[in-house]
Amino acid sequence: MTTVTRRREVITVFGQVVQGHTADPAGVREAMERWVHGQSPGAAGWLGSTAGVTEDGTFIAVARFDSEQAARANSDRPEQDRWWAEISRLLDGEVTVRDGMRTEAYHAGDPDQAGFVQVVQGRVSDLDRARGSLHALQEALKVHLPCLLGSVTIEYDAGRFTRALYFSTEEQARAGELNMPPELRHRDDEARELLVGPIDFLDLRQPWLYVAR
């Protein structure tokens, strides 16, 4: 088992991201529910998953494991192959599965109580600097934005990342962004200076939140 390291309220885990498109959100959710209730008890090391479908039909799932070995063992299970064949039939076109080089989960509250999750995807020029900026920004946001319950940031090679931000409600998240004080806006601008190219926002207004019991 890997060592779980703590810094402030951050834990380091192993993350996977599955992404595609679907014309059947209800069917995909049913498949996710079947995995959680039927297969997750046998998936040693699985910590939880966040999933959902955006209004334009983009499906994304962020899975967390306590180690890469646990994730690999789950992928190698025959029942996992059968489930993957089932859910793949509900997804259109290309489906990507990406393993993170490093994944951090930040808890300011209880992310599993989130009513709105925004997934941000992009690329930065320096992952180490971006990680430091994110830590500082999250600490500063504790008071101003109590509706931010946590985040999961998955880093890949070439500076790319996927970040899931967990909010109590979308309304509170939007209001907090509009009314951000100057000192916090400055920190946010510093973090954005590390971005390379465009960033994508995936809004999950009905997030599916699963956690190991």
N, C-alpha and C. Protein backbone atom coordinates (compact mmCIF):
# COMPACT_ATOMS: atom_id res chain seq x y z
N MET A 1 0.86 -1.19 0.00
CA MET A 1 0.00 0.00 0.00
C MET A 1 0.89 1.24 0.00
N THR A 2 0.50 2.24 -0.76
CA THR A 2 1.28 3.47 -0.78
C THR A 2 1.01 4.28 0.47
N THR A 3 1.95 5.16 0.78
CA THR A 3 1.79 6.04 1.94
C THR A 3 0.89 7.19 1.59
N VAL A 4 -0.08 7.47 2.40
CA VAL A 4 -0.97 8.61 2.21
C VAL A 4 -0.34 9.79 2.92
N THR A 5 0.02 10.82 2.16
CA THR A 5 0.69 11.98 2.74
C THR A 5 -0.31 13.10 2.93
N ARG A 6 -0.14 13.87 4.01
CA ARG A 6 -1.05 14.95 4.33
C ARG A 6 -0.30 16.28 4.36
N ARG A 7 -0.87 17.30 3.72
CA ARG A 7 -0.35 18.66 3.77
C ARG A 7 -1.55 19.57 3.87
N ARG A 8 -1.66 20.29 4.98
CA ARG A 8 -2.88 21.01 5.29
C ARG A 8 -4.03 20.00 5.28
N GLU A 9 -4.96 20.11 4.32
CA GLU A 9 -6.07 19.17 4.24
C GLU A 9 -6.03 18.44 2.91
N VAL A 10 -4.82 18.13 2.44
CA VAL A 10 -4.62 17.49 1.15
C VAL A 10 -4.12 16.07 1.35
N ILE A 11 -4.69 15.12 0.63
CA ILE A 11 -4.17 13.76 0.64
C ILE A 11 -3.80 13.38 -0.78
N THR A 12 -2.74 12.59 -0.91
CA THR A 12 -2.28 12.12 -2.21
C THR A 12 -2.81 10.71 -2.45
N VAL A 13 -3.51 10.54 -3.56
CA VAL A 13 -4.12 9.25 -3.89
C VAL A 13 -3.74 8.91 -5.34
N PHE A 14 -4.43 7.96 -5.94
CA PHE A 14 -4.25 7.62 -7.35
C PHE A 14 -5.56 7.88 -8.07
N GLY A 15 -5.50 8.58 -9.19
CA GLY A 15 -6.73 8.95 -9.89
C GLY A 15 -6.78 8.47 -11.32
N GLN A 16 -7.97 8.15 -11.77
CA GLN A 16 -8.25 7.81 -13.16
C GLN A 16 -9.41 8.67 -13.65
N VAL A 17 -9.36 9.04 -14.93
CA VAL A 17 -10.43 9.83 -15.53
C VAL A 17 -10.93 9.10 -16.77
N VAL A 18 -12.23 8.87 -16.82
CA VAL A 18 -12.89 8.27 -17.99
C VAL A 18 -13.77 9.35 -18.61
N GLN A 19 -13.69 9.50 -19.92
CA GLN A 19 -14.42 10.59 -20.56
C GLN A 19 -14.91 10.15 -21.94
N GLY A 20 -16.14 10.54 -22.26
CA GLY A 20 -16.71 10.23 -23.56
C GLY A 20 -17.99 11.03 -23.77
N HIS A 21 -18.83 10.54 -24.64
CA HIS A 21 -20.10 11.22 -24.93
C HIS A 21 -21.21 10.18 -24.90
N THR A 22 -22.38 10.60 -24.45
CA THR A 22 -23.51 9.68 -24.40
C THR A 22 -24.80 10.39 -24.77
N ALA A 23 -25.68 9.63 -25.40
CA ALA A 23 -27.03 10.11 -25.66
C ALA A 23 -28.01 9.51 -24.67
N ASP A 24 -27.49 8.74 -23.71
CA ASP A 24 -28.33 8.04 -22.73
C ASP A 24 -27.78 8.25 -21.32
N PRO A 25 -27.87 9.47 -20.76
CA PRO A 25 -27.35 9.71 -19.42
C PRO A 25 -27.95 8.80 -18.36
N ALA A 26 -29.25 8.53 -18.49
CA ALA A 26 -29.91 7.67 -17.49
C ALA A 26 -29.33 6.27 -17.53
N GLY A 27 -29.07 5.76 -18.73
CA GLY A 27 -28.49 4.43 -18.85
C GLY A 27 -27.09 4.36 -18.28
N VAL A 28 -26.30 5.40 -18.51
CA VAL A 28 -24.94 5.44 -17.98
C VAL A 28 -24.98 5.49 -16.46
N ARG A 29 -25.90 6.28 -15.92
CA ARG A 29 -25.99 6.35 -14.46
C ARG A 29 -26.40 5.00 -13.87
N GLU A 30 -27.31 4.31 -14.51
CA GLU A 30 -27.71 2.99 -14.03
C GLU A 30 -26.52 2.04 -14.03
N ALA A 31 -25.69 2.12 -15.07
CA ALA A 31 -24.50 1.27 -15.13
C ALA A 31 -23.53 1.61 -14.00
N MET A 32 -23.36 2.91 -13.73
CA MET A 32 -22.50 3.32 -12.62
C MET A 32 -23.03 2.80 -11.29
N GLU A 33 -24.34 2.90 -11.11
CA GLU A 33 -24.95 2.43 -9.86
C GLU A 33 -24.76 0.92 -9.69
N ARG A 34 -24.86 0.18 -10.80
CA ARG A 34 -24.67 -1.27 -10.71
C ARG A 34 -23.24 -1.59 -10.30
N TRP A 35 -22.27 -0.81 -10.82
CA TRP A 35 -20.89 -1.08 -10.43
C TRP A 35 -20.69 -0.79 -8.94
N VAL A 36 -21.19 0.33 -8.49
CA VAL A 36 -20.99 0.72 -7.09
C VAL A 36 -21.62 -0.29 -6.15
N HIS A 37 -22.84 -0.69 -6.45
CA HIS A 37 -23.55 -1.58 -5.53
C HIS A 37 -23.14 -3.05 -5.70
N GLY A 38 -22.77 -3.43 -6.94
CA GLY A 38 -22.48 -4.83 -7.19
C GLY A 38 -21.01 -5.19 -7.19
N GLN A 39 -20.15 -4.27 -7.64
CA GLN A 39 -18.74 -4.61 -7.83
C GLN A 39 -17.77 -3.88 -6.91
N SER A 40 -18.15 -2.71 -6.43
CA SER A 40 -17.19 -1.95 -5.63
C SER A 40 -16.75 -2.68 -4.35
N PRO A 41 -17.62 -3.52 -3.73
CA PRO A 41 -17.13 -4.23 -2.54
C PRO A 41 -15.92 -5.12 -2.83
N GLY A 42 -15.77 -5.57 -4.08
CA GLY A 42 -14.63 -6.40 -4.44
C GLY A 42 -13.47 -5.63 -5.00
N ALA A 43 -13.60 -4.31 -5.10
CA ALA A 43 -12.54 -3.47 -5.65
C ALA A 43 -11.70 -2.92 -4.50
N ALA A 44 -10.76 -3.72 -4.03
CA ALA A 44 -9.92 -3.32 -2.90
C ALA A 44 -9.16 -2.05 -3.24
N GLY A 45 -9.18 -1.08 -2.32
CA GLY A 45 -8.45 0.15 -2.53
C GLY A 45 -9.22 1.25 -3.23
N TRP A 46 -10.43 0.95 -3.71
CA TRP A 46 -11.26 2.00 -4.32
C TRP A 46 -11.77 2.91 -3.21
N LEU A 47 -11.57 4.23 -3.39
CA LEU A 47 -11.96 5.21 -2.38
C LEU A 47 -13.27 5.91 -2.71
N GLY A 48 -13.52 6.11 -3.99
CA GLY A 48 -14.73 6.80 -4.40
C GLY A 48 -14.64 7.27 -5.83
N SER A 49 -15.76 7.72 -6.36
CA SER A 49 -15.82 8.21 -7.73
C SER A 49 -16.80 9.38 -7.81
N THR A 50 -16.49 10.31 -8.69
CA THR A 50 -17.38 11.40 -9.04
C THR A 50 -17.66 11.31 -10.52
N ALA A 51 -18.93 11.35 -10.90
CA ALA A 51 -19.27 11.20 -12.31
C ALA A 51 -20.49 12.05 -12.63
N GLY A 52 -20.77 12.13 -13.91
CA GLY A 52 -21.95 12.87 -14.35
C GLY A 52 -21.89 13.14 -15.84
N VAL A 53 -22.95 13.75 -16.33
CA VAL A 53 -23.08 14.08 -17.75
C VAL A 53 -23.44 15.56 -17.86
N THR A 54 -22.71 16.29 -18.68
CA THR A 54 -23.00 17.70 -18.88
C THR A 54 -24.22 17.87 -19.77
N GLU A 55 -24.67 19.10 -19.92
CA GLU A 55 -25.86 19.35 -20.73
C GLU A 55 -25.64 19.02 -22.20
N ASP A 56 -24.38 19.03 -22.67
CA ASP A 56 -24.13 18.68 -24.07
C ASP A 56 -23.81 17.19 -24.26
N GLY A 57 -23.98 16.39 -23.20
CA GLY A 57 -23.82 14.95 -23.32
C GLY A 57 -22.42 14.42 -23.05
N THR A 58 -21.53 15.26 -22.54
CA THR A 58 -20.19 14.79 -22.19
C THR A 58 -20.24 14.03 -20.86
N PHE A 59 -19.79 12.80 -20.89
CA PHE A 59 -19.72 11.98 -19.68
C PHE A 59 -18.30 12.01 -19.15
N ILE A 60 -18.16 12.19 -17.84
CA ILE A 60 -16.85 12.14 -17.21
C ILE A 60 -16.98 11.45 -15.86
N ALA A 61 -15.98 10.64 -15.55
CA ALA A 61 -15.92 9.97 -14.25
C ALA A 61 -14.51 10.09 -13.71
N VAL A 62 -14.39 10.54 -12.47
CA VAL A 62 -13.11 10.67 -11.78
C VAL A 62 -13.10 9.65 -10.65
N ALA A 63 -12.24 8.64 -10.77
CA ALA A 63 -12.17 7.57 -9.77
C ALA A 63 -10.91 7.73 -8.93
N ARG A 64 -11.02 7.44 -7.64
CA ARG A 64 -9.90 7.56 -6.72
C ARG A 64 -9.62 6.20 -6.07
N PHE A 65 -8.35 5.83 -6.07
CA PHE A 65 -7.88 4.60 -5.43
C PHE A 65 -6.75 4.95 -4.46
N ASP A 66 -6.50 4.07 -3.50
CA ASP A 66 -5.43 4.37 -2.56
C ASP A 66 -4.05 4.08 -3.14
N SER A 67 -4.00 3.41 -4.30
CA SER A 67 -2.71 3.16 -4.94
C SER A 67 -2.94 2.78 -6.41
N GLU A 68 -1.87 2.91 -7.19
CA GLU A 68 -1.94 2.49 -8.59
C GLU A 68 -2.14 0.98 -8.67
N GLN A 69 -1.53 0.24 -7.76
CA GLN A 69 -1.67 -1.21 -7.77
C GLN A 69 -3.13 -1.62 -7.59
N ALA A 70 -3.85 -0.92 -6.71
CA ALA A 70 -5.26 -1.23 -6.49
C ALA A 70 -6.07 -0.97 -7.75
N ALA A 71 -5.78 0.14 -8.44
CA ALA A 71 -6.49 0.46 -9.67
C ALA A 71 -6.22 -0.60 -10.74
N ARG A 72 -4.96 -1.03 -10.86
CA ARG A 72 -4.62 -2.05 -11.84
C ARG A 72 -5.33 -3.37 -11.53
N ALA A 73 -5.35 -3.72 -10.25
CA ALA A 73 -6.01 -4.98 -9.86
C ALA A 73 -7.49 -4.94 -10.19
N ASN A 74 -8.12 -3.78 -9.99
CA ASN A 74 -9.53 -3.66 -10.34
C ASN A 74 -9.74 -3.82 -11.84
N SER A 75 -8.87 -3.18 -12.64
CA SER A 75 -9.00 -3.26 -14.10
C SER A 75 -8.82 -4.69 -14.61
N ASP A 76 -8.05 -5.51 -13.88
CA ASP A 76 -7.76 -6.87 -14.32
C ASP A 76 -8.85 -7.87 -13.95
N ARG A 77 -9.84 -7.44 -13.18
CA ARG A 77 -10.89 -8.38 -12.78
C ARG A 77 -11.80 -8.71 -13.96
N PRO A 78 -12.17 -9.98 -14.16
CA PRO A 78 -13.06 -10.35 -15.27
C PRO A 78 -14.41 -9.62 -15.21
N GLU A 79 -14.94 -9.43 -14.00
CA GLU A 79 -16.22 -8.74 -13.89
C GLU A 79 -16.11 -7.28 -14.30
N GLN A 80 -14.91 -6.71 -14.14
CA GLN A 80 -14.69 -5.34 -14.59
C GLN A 80 -14.72 -5.27 -16.12
N ASP A 81 -14.15 -6.27 -16.77
CA ASP A 81 -14.19 -6.33 -18.24
C ASP A 81 -15.63 -6.41 -18.73
N ARG A 82 -16.45 -7.20 -18.07
CA ARG A 82 -17.84 -7.34 -18.48
C ARG A 82 -18.60 -6.03 -18.28
N TRP A 83 -18.34 -5.38 -17.17
CA TRP A 83 -19.01 -4.10 -16.90
C TRP A 83 -18.56 -3.04 -17.90
N TRP A 84 -17.27 -3.01 -18.22
CA TRP A 84 -16.77 -2.03 -19.17
C TRP A 84 -17.39 -2.22 -20.55
N ALA A 85 -17.57 -3.47 -20.96
CA ALA A 85 -18.22 -3.73 -22.25
C ALA A 85 -19.66 -3.22 -22.23
N GLU A 86 -20.31 -3.35 -21.08
CA GLU A 86 -21.69 -2.89 -20.94
C GLU A 86 -21.79 -1.37 -21.03
N ILE A 87 -20.97 -0.66 -20.28
CA ILE A 87 -21.08 0.81 -20.27
C ILE A 87 -20.56 1.40 -21.58
N SER A 88 -19.59 0.73 -22.22
CA SER A 88 -19.05 1.24 -23.47
C SER A 88 -20.12 1.31 -24.56
N ARG A 89 -21.08 0.41 -24.50
CA ARG A 89 -22.16 0.43 -25.49
C ARG A 89 -23.04 1.67 -25.35
N LEU A 90 -22.98 2.32 -24.20
CA LEU A 90 -23.78 3.51 -23.95
C LEU A 90 -23.03 4.80 -24.28
N LEU A 91 -21.75 4.67 -24.65
CA LEU A 91 -20.92 5.83 -24.96
C LEU A 91 -20.64 5.89 -26.45
N ASP A 92 -20.70 7.09 -27.01
CA ASP A 92 -20.54 7.29 -28.45
C ASP A 92 -19.11 7.71 -28.77
N GLY A 93 -18.60 7.24 -29.91
CA GLY A 93 -17.31 7.72 -30.39
C GLY A 93 -16.16 7.31 -29.48
N GLU A 94 -15.14 8.16 -29.45
CA GLU A 94 -13.93 7.84 -28.70
C GLU A 94 -14.16 7.98 -27.20
N VAL A 95 -13.68 7.01 -26.45
CA VAL A 95 -13.71 7.05 -24.99
C VAL A 95 -12.27 7.03 -24.50
N THR A 96 -11.92 7.98 -23.66
CA THR A 96 -10.55 8.05 -23.15
C THR A 96 -10.52 7.61 -21.69
N VAL A 97 -9.46 6.89 -21.34
CA VAL A 97 -9.19 6.50 -19.95
C VAL A 97 -7.78 6.96 -19.64
N ARG A 98 -7.64 7.86 -18.69
CA ARG A 98 -6.33 8.43 -18.38
C ARG A 98 -5.98 8.21 -16.92
N ASP A 99 -4.76 7.72 -16.69
CA ASP A 99 -4.24 7.54 -15.33
C ASP A 99 -3.41 8.76 -14.97
N GLY A 100 -3.58 9.23 -13.76
CA GLY A 100 -2.82 10.38 -13.30
C GLY A 100 -1.41 10.00 -12.86
N MET A 101 -0.45 10.91 -13.08
CA MET A 101 0.89 10.73 -12.52
C MET A 101 0.87 11.05 -11.03
N ARG A 102 0.03 12.03 -10.67
CA ARG A 102 -0.11 12.44 -9.28
C ARG A 102 -1.53 12.95 -9.11
N THR A 103 -2.17 12.60 -7.99
CA THR A 103 -3.53 13.04 -7.72
C THR A 103 -3.61 13.53 -6.28
N GLU A 104 -4.17 14.72 -6.11
CA GLU A 104 -4.37 15.28 -4.78
C GLU A 104 -5.86 15.53 -4.54
N ALA A 105 -6.33 15.12 -3.38
CA ALA A 105 -7.70 15.38 -2.95
C ALA A 105 -7.65 16.35 -1.79
N TYR A 106 -8.35 17.48 -1.94
CA TYR A 106 -8.37 18.53 -0.92
C TYR A 106 -9.76 18.56 -0.29
N HIS A 107 -9.82 18.54 1.03
CA HIS A 107 -11.08 18.55 1.76
C HIS A 107 -11.16 19.80 2.63
N ALA A 108 -12.07 20.70 2.26
CA ALA A 108 -12.37 21.84 3.12
C ALA A 108 -13.65 21.59 3.91
N GLY A 109 -14.48 20.73 3.36
CA GLY A 109 -15.73 20.31 3.99
C GLY A 109 -15.97 18.87 3.62
N ASP A 110 -17.20 18.53 3.28
CA ASP A 110 -17.53 17.17 2.86
C ASP A 110 -17.90 17.19 1.38
N PRO A 111 -16.95 16.87 0.48
CA PRO A 111 -17.25 16.90 -0.96
C PRO A 111 -18.40 16.00 -1.37
N ASP A 112 -18.66 14.97 -0.59
CA ASP A 112 -19.75 14.05 -0.94
C ASP A 112 -21.13 14.66 -0.73
N GLN A 113 -21.18 15.88 -0.20
CA GLN A 113 -22.45 16.59 -0.04
C GLN A 113 -22.63 17.67 -1.11
N ALA A 114 -21.75 17.68 -2.11
CA ALA A 114 -21.80 18.72 -3.13
C ALA A 114 -23.06 18.61 -3.99
N GLY A 115 -23.64 19.78 -4.29
CA GLY A 115 -24.78 19.83 -5.20
C GLY A 115 -24.38 20.25 -6.59
N PHE A 116 -23.12 20.66 -6.75
CA PHE A 116 -22.61 21.12 -8.05
C PHE A 116 -21.13 20.82 -8.11
N VAL A 117 -20.69 20.22 -9.22
CA VAL A 117 -19.28 19.93 -9.43
C VAL A 117 -18.86 20.53 -10.77
N GLN A 118 -17.80 21.31 -10.74
CA GLN A 118 -17.25 21.85 -11.98
C GLN A 118 -15.90 21.18 -12.23
N VAL A 119 -15.76 20.58 -13.41
CA VAL A 119 -14.52 19.94 -13.80
C VAL A 119 -13.78 20.88 -14.75
N VAL A 120 -12.53 21.17 -14.42
CA VAL A 120 -11.70 22.06 -15.23
C VAL A 120 -10.56 21.24 -15.81
N GLN A 121 -10.33 21.39 -17.12
CA GLN A 121 -9.26 20.65 -17.78
C GLN A 121 -8.40 21.61 -18.58
N GLY A 122 -7.09 21.45 -18.49
CA GLY A 122 -6.20 22.33 -19.22
C GLY A 122 -4.76 21.89 -19.09
N ARG A 123 -3.87 22.84 -19.31
CA ARG A 123 -2.43 22.57 -19.27
C ARG A 123 -1.72 23.77 -18.65
N VAL A 124 -0.68 23.50 -17.87
CA VAL A 124 0.11 24.56 -17.25
C VAL A 124 1.57 24.40 -17.66
N SER A 125 2.32 25.49 -17.53
CA SER A 125 3.72 25.47 -17.92
C SER A 125 4.60 24.79 -16.88
N ASP A 126 4.14 24.74 -15.63
CA ASP A 126 4.96 24.19 -14.54
C ASP A 126 4.02 23.59 -13.50
N LEU A 127 3.96 22.25 -13.44
CA LEU A 127 3.03 21.59 -12.52
C LEU A 127 3.38 21.86 -11.07
N ASP A 128 4.67 21.90 -10.74
CA ASP A 128 5.06 22.15 -9.34
C ASP A 128 4.62 23.54 -8.89
N ARG A 129 4.86 24.56 -9.70
CA ARG A 129 4.44 25.91 -9.35
C ARG A 129 2.92 26.01 -9.29
N ALA A 130 2.25 25.35 -10.23
CA ALA A 130 0.80 25.39 -10.24
C ALA A 130 0.22 24.73 -9.00
N ARG A 131 0.86 23.67 -8.55
CA ARG A 131 0.39 22.98 -7.35
C ARG A 131 0.54 23.88 -6.13
N GLY A 132 1.67 24.57 -6.03
CA GLY A 132 1.87 25.49 -4.93
C GLY A 132 0.88 26.63 -4.93
N SER A 133 0.60 27.18 -6.12
CA SER A 133 -0.38 28.26 -6.23
C SER A 133 -1.77 27.78 -5.83
N LEU A 134 -2.09 26.55 -6.22
CA LEU A 134 -3.39 26.00 -5.88
C LEU A 134 -3.53 25.82 -4.37
N HIS A 135 -2.49 25.31 -3.71
CA HIS A 135 -2.55 25.14 -2.25
C HIS A 135 -2.81 26.48 -1.56
N ALA A 136 -2.08 27.50 -1.99
CA ALA A 136 -2.23 28.82 -1.37
C ALA A 136 -3.61 29.39 -1.63
N LEU A 137 -4.11 29.23 -2.85
CA LEU A 137 -5.43 29.75 -3.19
C LEU A 137 -6.52 29.04 -2.40
N GLN A 138 -6.43 27.73 -2.27
CA GLN A 138 -7.44 26.98 -1.53
C GLN A 138 -7.46 27.39 -0.06
N GLU A 139 -6.31 27.61 0.52
CA GLU A 139 -6.26 28.07 1.90
C GLU A 139 -6.94 29.43 2.04
N ALA A 140 -6.66 30.33 1.09
CA ALA A 140 -7.23 31.68 1.15
C ALA A 140 -8.74 31.66 0.92
N LEU A 141 -9.22 30.69 0.17
CA LEU A 141 -10.64 30.63 -0.16
C LEU A 141 -11.49 30.07 0.98
N LYS A 142 -10.87 29.51 2.00
CA LYS A 142 -11.64 28.87 3.08
C LYS A 142 -12.68 29.81 3.68
N VAL A 143 -12.26 31.05 3.92
CA VAL A 143 -13.16 32.01 4.56
C VAL A 143 -14.12 32.62 3.56
N HIS A 144 -13.60 33.02 2.40
CA HIS A 144 -14.44 33.72 1.42
C HIS A 144 -15.43 32.80 0.74
N LEU A 145 -15.07 31.56 0.54
CA LEU A 145 -15.92 30.67 -0.26
C LEU A 145 -16.19 29.37 0.51
N PRO A 146 -16.96 29.44 1.58
CA PRO A 146 -17.24 28.23 2.35
C PRO A 146 -18.04 27.18 1.57
N CYS A 147 -18.64 27.61 0.45
CA CYS A 147 -19.38 26.63 -0.36
C CYS A 147 -18.44 25.71 -1.13
N LEU A 148 -17.12 26.03 -1.19
CA LEU A 148 -16.15 25.13 -1.80
C LEU A 148 -15.82 24.04 -0.80
N LEU A 149 -16.32 22.84 -1.06
CA LEU A 149 -16.18 21.74 -0.12
C LEU A 149 -14.91 20.93 -0.32
N GLY A 150 -14.30 21.08 -1.50
CA GLY A 150 -13.08 20.33 -1.76
C GLY A 150 -12.77 20.28 -3.24
N SER A 151 -11.70 19.57 -3.56
CA SER A 151 -11.31 19.42 -4.96
C SER A 151 -10.50 18.15 -5.12
N VAL A 152 -10.45 17.66 -6.35
CA VAL A 152 -9.56 16.56 -6.72
C VAL A 152 -8.81 17.01 -7.97
N THR A 153 -7.49 17.01 -7.90
CA THR A 153 -6.66 17.45 -9.02
C THR A 153 -5.82 16.28 -9.50
N ILE A 154 -5.98 15.92 -10.77
CA ILE A 154 -5.22 14.83 -11.37
C ILE A 154 -4.25 15.42 -12.39
N GLU A 155 -2.97 15.14 -12.20
CA GLU A 155 -1.93 15.65 -13.09
C GLU A 155 -1.47 14.56 -14.05
N TYR A 156 -1.25 14.96 -15.31
CA TYR A 156 -0.72 14.04 -16.32
C TYR A 156 0.63 14.58 -16.80
N ASP A 157 1.19 13.91 -17.80
CA ASP A 157 2.42 14.42 -18.38
C ASP A 157 2.13 15.66 -19.22
N ALA A 158 3.20 16.34 -19.64
CA ALA A 158 3.12 17.55 -20.46
C ALA A 158 2.34 18.67 -19.78
N GLY A 159 2.24 18.63 -18.44
CA GLY A 159 1.60 19.70 -17.70
C GLY A 159 0.08 19.71 -17.75
N ARG A 160 -0.52 18.66 -18.23
CA ARG A 160 -1.99 18.63 -18.34
C ARG A 160 -2.62 18.19 -17.01
N PHE A 161 -3.86 18.63 -16.81
CA PHE A 161 -4.53 18.32 -15.55
C PHE A 161 -6.05 18.25 -15.74
N THR A 162 -6.68 17.55 -14.83
CA THR A 162 -8.13 17.55 -14.66
C THR A 162 -8.39 17.88 -13.20
N ARG A 163 -9.24 18.88 -12.95
CA ARG A 163 -9.55 19.26 -11.56
C ARG A 163 -11.06 19.29 -11.37
N ALA A 164 -11.55 18.56 -10.38
CA ALA A 164 -12.96 18.58 -10.02
C ALA A 164 -13.12 19.44 -8.77
N LEU A 165 -13.98 20.46 -8.87
CA LEU A 165 -14.24 21.37 -7.76
C LEU A 165 -15.64 21.10 -7.23
N TYR A 166 -15.75 20.90 -5.93
CA TYR A 166 -17.01 20.50 -5.30
C TYR A 166 -17.61 21.69 -4.55
N PHE A 167 -18.83 22.07 -4.92
CA PHE A 167 -19.50 23.21 -4.29
C PHE A 167 -20.84 22.77 -3.68
N SER A 168 -21.25 23.49 -2.64
CA SER A 168 -22.55 23.20 -2.05
C SER A 168 -23.66 23.38 -3.07
N THR A 169 -23.66 24.53 -3.76
CA THR A 169 -24.64 24.80 -4.82
C THR A 169 -23.96 25.60 -5.91
N GLU A 170 -24.51 25.54 -7.10
CA GLU A 170 -23.98 26.33 -8.21
C GLU A 170 -24.19 27.82 -7.96
N GLU A 171 -25.33 28.17 -7.40
CA GLU A 171 -25.63 29.59 -7.15
C GLU A 171 -24.59 30.21 -6.22
N GLN A 172 -24.23 29.50 -5.15
CA GLN A 172 -23.23 30.02 -4.22
C GLN A 172 -21.86 30.11 -4.88
N ALA A 173 -21.53 29.14 -5.72
CA ALA A 173 -20.24 29.16 -6.41
C ALA A 173 -20.13 30.36 -7.34
N ARG A 174 -21.20 30.63 -8.12
CA ARG A 174 -21.18 31.75 -9.06
C ARG A 174 -21.13 33.08 -8.30
N ALA A 175 -21.88 33.18 -7.23
CA ALA A 175 -21.88 34.42 -6.45
C ALA A 175 -20.51 34.67 -5.83
N GLY A 176 -19.88 33.63 -5.32
CA GLY A 176 -18.56 33.79 -4.73
C GLY A 176 -17.52 34.22 -5.74
N GLU A 177 -17.64 33.70 -6.96
CA GLU A 177 -16.70 34.09 -8.01
C GLU A 177 -16.87 35.56 -8.39
N LEU A 178 -18.12 36.01 -8.48
CA LEU A 178 -18.39 37.40 -8.85
C LEU A 178 -17.93 38.38 -7.78
N ASN A 179 -18.02 37.97 -6.51
CA ASN A 179 -17.72 38.87 -5.40
C ASN A 179 -16.37 38.60 -4.75
N MET A 180 -15.45 38.02 -5.49
CA MET A 180 -14.15 37.70 -4.94
C MET A 180 -13.38 38.97 -4.60
N PRO A 181 -12.85 39.09 -3.38
CA PRO A 181 -12.10 40.29 -2.99
C PRO A 181 -10.80 40.41 -3.79
N PRO A 182 -10.26 41.63 -3.87
CA PRO A 182 -9.08 41.87 -4.72
C PRO A 182 -7.89 40.97 -4.41
N GLU A 183 -7.61 40.72 -3.12
CA GLU A 183 -6.45 39.91 -2.80
C GLU A 183 -6.58 38.47 -3.28
N LEU A 184 -7.83 37.94 -3.25
CA LEU A 184 -8.05 36.60 -3.76
C LEU A 184 -8.03 36.58 -5.28
N ARG A 185 -8.58 37.61 -5.89
CA ARG A 185 -8.55 37.70 -7.35
C ARG A 185 -7.10 37.76 -7.85
N HIS A 186 -6.25 38.44 -7.08
CA HIS A 186 -4.84 38.52 -7.45
C HIS A 186 -4.20 37.13 -7.41
N ARG A 187 -4.50 36.36 -6.35
CA ARG A 187 -3.97 35.00 -6.27
C ARG A 187 -4.48 34.15 -7.43
N ASP A 188 -5.75 34.32 -7.77
CA ASP A 188 -6.33 33.56 -8.88
C ASP A 188 -5.65 33.94 -10.19
N ASP A 189 -5.38 35.23 -10.38
CA ASP A 189 -4.69 35.68 -11.60
C ASP A 189 -3.29 35.09 -11.69
N GLU A 190 -2.60 35.01 -10.55
CA GLU A 190 -1.26 34.42 -10.54
C GLU A 190 -1.30 32.96 -10.98
N ALA A 191 -2.30 32.23 -10.51
CA ALA A 191 -2.44 30.83 -10.91
C ALA A 191 -2.74 30.71 -12.40
N ARG A 192 -3.57 31.60 -12.91
CA ARG A 192 -3.96 31.55 -14.33
C ARG A 192 -2.79 31.90 -15.25
N GLU A 193 -1.81 32.65 -14.75
CA GLU A 193 -0.65 33.00 -15.57
C GLU A 193 0.15 31.76 -15.98
N LEU A 194 -0.01 30.67 -15.25
CA LEU A 194 0.71 29.43 -15.57
C LEU A 194 0.00 28.61 -16.64
N LEU A 195 -1.22 28.99 -17.01
CA LEU A 195 -1.97 28.23 -18.00
C LEU A 195 -1.37 28.38 -19.38
N VAL A 196 -1.40 27.28 -20.14
CA VAL A 196 -0.93 27.27 -21.52
C VAL A 196 -2.12 26.88 -22.39
N GLY A 197 -2.57 27.80 -23.24
CA GLY A 197 -3.70 27.49 -24.10
C GLY A 197 -5.03 27.57 -23.37
N PRO A 198 -6.09 27.12 -24.02
CA PRO A 198 -7.44 27.24 -23.45
C PRO A 198 -7.68 26.24 -22.34
N ILE A 199 -8.70 26.50 -21.53
CA ILE A 199 -9.15 25.55 -20.53
C ILE A 199 -10.62 25.20 -20.81
N ASP A 200 -10.98 23.99 -20.46
CA ASP A 200 -12.35 23.52 -20.66
C ASP A 200 -13.05 23.40 -19.32
N PHE A 201 -14.32 23.76 -19.30
CA PHE A 201 -15.14 23.67 -18.09
C PHE A 201 -16.29 22.70 -18.36
N LEU A 202 -16.42 21.70 -17.51
CA LEU A 202 -17.51 20.73 -17.59
C LEU A 202 -18.35 20.88 -16.33
N ASP A 203 -19.57 21.37 -16.47
CA ASP A 203 -20.45 21.60 -15.32
C ASP A 203 -21.34 20.40 -15.09
N LEU A 204 -21.21 19.81 -13.92
CA LEU A 204 -22.06 18.69 -13.52
C LEU A 204 -23.09 19.22 -12.54
N ARG A 205 -24.27 19.53 -13.07
CA ARG A 205 -25.32 20.12 -12.24
C ARG A 205 -26.09 19.06 -11.45
N GLN A 206 -25.93 17.82 -11.83
CA GLN A 206 -26.49 16.70 -11.07
C GLN A 206 -25.37 15.66 -10.89
N PRO A 207 -24.38 15.96 -10.08
CA PRO A 207 -23.24 15.06 -9.95
C PRO A 207 -23.62 13.74 -9.27
N TRP A 208 -22.97 12.69 -9.70
CA TRP A 208 -23.14 11.38 -9.09
C TRP A 208 -21.92 11.17 -8.18
N LEU A 209 -22.15 11.11 -6.90
CA LEU A 209 -21.07 11.07 -5.91
C LEU A 209 -21.10 9.72 -5.19
N TYR A 210 -20.02 8.97 -5.35
CA TYR A 210 -19.95 7.64 -4.76
C TYR A 210 -18.72 7.57 -3.86
N VAL A 211 -18.86 6.91 -2.72
CA VAL A 211 -17.74 6.78 -1.80
C VAL A 211 -17.75 5.36 -1.23
N ALA A 212 -16.56 4.81 -1.03
CA ALA A 212 -16.45 3.47 -0.47
C ALA A 212 -16.97 3.46 0.96
N ARG A 213 -17.68 2.44 1.30
CA ARG A 213 -18.24 2.30 2.65
C ARG A 213 -17.48 1.25 3.43
